[in-house]
Amino acid sequence: MTEVHYFGPNLKRLRLQNRLSQAELGAALDNPVNGQAISNWEREINHPTYENLIGIAKFFNVMPSELLRTEKEAAVGETTAVLDRIDEYMPKVAEIRRVMHMMGDFSPRQLDGLSEQLEQIMQYFLPYTPVDEDGEPSTDQNGRKIILQSRYSKIPVKEINIIFDQIQAIEKFNGNQ
């Protein structure tokens, strides 16, 4: 059994997590394919080309190797990655605990509103179909819905971190006065 054996189930899992049909996913790739090709890949009747594998990984914002792993291999890889970055995660865990304590001060209605806002933020990170001013989905010249990659890759993370560090420095300076 080769590593490619796990590609089909992984592709199907990612496609379903992103609420895409086989045809929608096929049309959204850099090198578009039809829904039947996606179906054949998921059922492991055949496998994508290297270029399509890279395109699928890019579309779902994952590493190509993640598409070829078993669930156990993925879990071990994630555990190793977490252990390698434990020092980075500890302050984040402390912040999560602080937020959990703060949430005790919110009413159920406030928490529902926060939940709705978080859902909107999560939608930002999924592949999406742009719509026109009438709310109609954008289509290509063949009338198929256009599906774009998640907006995650467009976020200026480095610039946001710099601004965040500057804000923290200002807050620290103001706290010392």
Protein backbone atom coordinates (compact mmCIF):
# COMPACT_ATOMS: atom_id res chain seq x y z
CA MET A 1 0.00 0.00 0.00
CA THR A 2 1.50 3.35 -1.01
CA GLU A 3 1.01 6.74 0.65
CA VAL A 4 -1.14 7.82 -2.29
CA HIS A 5 -3.72 5.32 -1.01
CA TYR A 6 -4.85 7.90 1.57
CA PHE A 7 -5.28 10.78 -0.84
CA GLY A 8 -8.90 9.97 -1.77
CA PRO A 9 -10.36 9.98 1.76
CA ASN A 10 -8.37 13.10 2.66
CA LEU A 11 -9.59 14.93 -0.44
CA LYS A 12 -13.20 13.96 0.27
CA ARG A 13 -12.89 15.04 3.92
CA LEU A 14 -11.51 18.47 2.98
CA ARG A 15 -14.09 18.94 0.22
CA LEU A 16 -16.98 18.11 2.53
CA GLN A 17 -15.58 20.25 5.35
CA ASN A 18 -15.63 23.16 2.92
CA ARG A 19 -19.14 22.32 1.70
CA LEU A 20 -18.12 21.90 -1.93
CA SER A 21 -19.52 19.56 -4.55
CA GLN A 22 -17.06 17.58 -6.65
CA ALA A 23 -17.87 19.77 -9.67
CA GLU A 24 -17.36 22.99 -7.67
CA LEU A 25 -13.97 21.83 -6.41
CA GLY A 26 -12.88 20.72 -9.86
CA ALA A 27 -13.85 24.06 -11.40
CA ALA A 28 -12.08 26.02 -8.64
CA LEU A 29 -8.63 24.50 -9.19
CA ASP A 30 -5.90 26.40 -11.04
CA ASN A 31 -6.00 23.60 -13.64
CA PRO A 32 -9.75 22.92 -13.65
CA VAL A 33 -11.01 19.35 -13.92
CA ASN A 34 -14.54 17.98 -14.09
CA GLY A 35 -16.44 16.55 -11.14
CA GLN A 36 -15.89 13.02 -12.44
CA ALA A 37 -12.12 13.43 -12.04
CA ILE A 38 -12.61 14.50 -8.42
CA SER A 39 -14.94 11.51 -7.90
CA ASN A 40 -12.34 9.13 -9.36
CA TRP A 41 -9.63 10.59 -7.11
CA GLU A 42 -11.81 10.29 -4.02
CA ARG A 43 -12.67 6.67 -4.87
CA GLU A 44 -8.99 6.02 -5.69
CA ILE A 45 -9.77 4.84 -9.19
CA ASN A 46 -6.92 7.06 -10.32
CA HIS A 47 -4.77 9.83 -8.88
CA PRO A 48 -4.14 13.49 -9.70
CA THR A 49 -1.08 14.77 -11.49
CA TYR A 50 1.61 16.41 -9.42
CA GLU A 51 0.39 19.82 -10.60
CA ASN A 52 -3.18 19.02 -9.51
CA LEU A 53 -1.96 17.72 -6.15
CA ILE A 54 -0.13 21.02 -5.58
CA GLY A 55 -3.21 22.96 -6.75
CA ILE A 56 -5.50 21.07 -4.37
CA ALA A 57 -3.13 21.66 -1.46
CA LYS A 58 -2.93 25.36 -2.34
CA PHE A 59 -6.72 25.60 -2.64
CA PHE A 60 -7.31 24.06 0.81
CA ASN A 61 -4.32 25.90 2.32
CA VAL A 62 -2.57 22.67 3.43
CA MET A 63 0.78 21.08 2.71
CA PRO A 64 0.72 18.51 -0.12
CA SER A 65 2.07 15.89 2.31
CA GLU A 66 -1.04 16.37 4.47
CA LEU A 67 -3.13 15.05 1.59
CA LEU A 68 -1.14 11.81 1.57
CA ARG A 69 -1.14 10.94 5.28
CA THR A 70 -3.24 8.47 7.24
CA GLU A 71 -5.24 9.89 10.15
CA LYS A 72 -2.70 8.40 12.59
CA GLU A 73 0.24 9.92 10.70
CA ALA A 74 -1.49 13.29 10.65
CA ALA A 75 -2.17 13.08 14.40
CA VAL A 76 1.47 12.15 15.13
CA GLY A 77 2.70 14.93 12.85
CA GLU A 78 0.44 17.46 14.54
CA THR A 79 1.53 16.27 17.99
CA THR A 80 5.19 16.61 17.03
CA ALA A 81 4.57 20.08 15.66
CA VAL A 82 2.77 21.10 18.84
CA LEU A 83 5.57 19.75 21.02
CA ASP A 84 8.15 21.58 18.91
CA ARG A 85 6.27 24.84 19.48
CA ILE A 86 5.17 24.37 23.12
CA ASP A 87 6.98 27.50 24.30
CA GLU A 88 5.07 29.50 21.72
CA TYR A 89 1.74 27.97 22.77
CA MET A 90 2.00 28.46 26.54
CA PRO A 91 1.29 32.24 26.46
CA LYS A 92 -1.61 31.55 24.12
CA VAL A 93 -3.04 28.96 26.53
CA ALA A 94 -2.76 31.49 29.37
CA GLU A 95 -4.63 34.03 27.23
CA ILE A 96 -7.37 31.50 26.46
CA ARG A 97 -7.78 30.82 30.18
CA ARG A 98 -8.00 34.54 30.87
CA VAL A 99 -10.68 34.91 28.20
CA MET A 100 -12.61 31.93 29.61
CA HIS A 101 -12.75 33.63 33.00
CA MET A 102 -13.88 36.88 31.37
CA MET A 103 -16.65 35.05 29.51
CA GLY A 104 -18.25 34.24 32.86
CA ASP A 105 -19.15 37.94 33.02
CA PHE A 106 -21.22 37.80 29.81
CA SER A 107 -24.94 37.11 29.52
CA PRO A 108 -26.18 34.26 27.31
CA ARG A 109 -27.44 36.82 24.78
CA GLN A 110 -24.01 38.48 24.63
CA LEU A 111 -22.39 35.07 24.14
CA ASP A 112 -24.83 34.30 21.29
CA GLY A 113 -23.81 37.57 19.61
CA LEU A 114 -20.15 36.70 20.07
CA SER A 115 -20.79 33.25 18.60
CA GLU A 116 -22.37 34.82 15.51
CA GLN A 117 -19.38 37.13 15.10
CA LEU A 118 -16.96 34.19 15.39
CA GLU A 119 -18.96 32.27 12.77
CA GLN A 120 -18.59 35.23 10.40
CA ILE A 121 -14.85 35.27 11.05
CA MET A 122 -14.60 31.51 10.36
CA GLN A 123 -16.47 31.96 7.07
CA TYR A 124 -13.69 34.37 6.06
CA PHE A 125 -11.24 31.46 6.08
CA LEU A 126 -13.29 29.09 3.88
CA PRO A 127 -13.22 28.98 0.08
CA TYR A 128 -15.92 31.31 -1.20
CA THR A 129 -17.97 32.31 -4.22
CA PRO A 130 -17.99 36.07 -4.90
CA VAL A 131 -21.43 37.62 -5.51
CA ASP A 132 -22.53 40.65 -7.51
CA GLU A 133 -24.50 43.61 -6.13
CA ASP A 134 -27.75 41.60 -6.47
CA GLY A 135 -26.34 38.73 -4.44
CA GLU A 136 -26.01 36.44 -7.46
CA PRO A 137 -22.93 34.16 -7.51
CA SER A 138 -20.21 35.09 -9.99
CA THR A 139 -19.86 32.63 -12.84
CA ASP A 140 -17.26 31.90 -15.49
CA GLN A 141 -17.86 31.99 -19.25
CA ASN A 142 -19.43 28.50 -19.05
CA GLY A 143 -21.94 29.51 -16.37
CA ARG A 144 -20.19 27.62 -13.54
CA LYS A 145 -19.93 29.25 -10.14
CA ILE A 146 -16.50 30.73 -9.49
CA ILE A 147 -14.98 29.48 -6.21
CA LEU A 148 -11.96 31.30 -4.83
CA GLN A 149 -9.42 30.20 -2.24
CA SER A 150 -9.88 31.26 1.35
CA ARG A 151 -8.90 34.82 2.08
CA TYR A 152 -6.41 33.58 4.70
CA SER A 153 -3.43 33.80 2.37
CA LYS A 154 -4.19 37.50 1.81
CA ILE A 155 -3.97 38.47 5.49
CA PRO A 156 -0.85 40.57 6.18
CA VAL A 157 0.13 38.55 9.27
CA LYS A 158 3.62 40.04 9.66
CA GLU A 159 2.30 43.59 9.49
CA ILE A 160 -0.45 42.79 12.00
CA ASN A 161 2.13 41.33 14.41
CA ILE A 162 4.28 44.46 14.10
CA ILE A 163 1.30 46.69 14.86
CA PHE A 164 0.30 44.44 17.76
CA ASP A 165 3.83 44.67 19.22
CA GLN A 166 3.74 48.46 18.85
CA ILE A 167 0.40 48.67 20.66
CA GLN A 168 1.73 46.49 23.47
CA ALA A 169 4.82 48.72 23.79
CA ILE A 170 2.60 51.81 24.02
CA GLU A 171 0.38 50.16 26.64
CA LYS A 172 3.46 49.12 28.63
CA PHE A 173 4.87 52.65 28.41
CA ASN A 174 1.56 54.17 29.54
CA GLY A 175 1.33 51.65 32.40
CA ASN A 176 4.77 52.67 33.70
CA GLN A 177 3.82 56.33 34.04
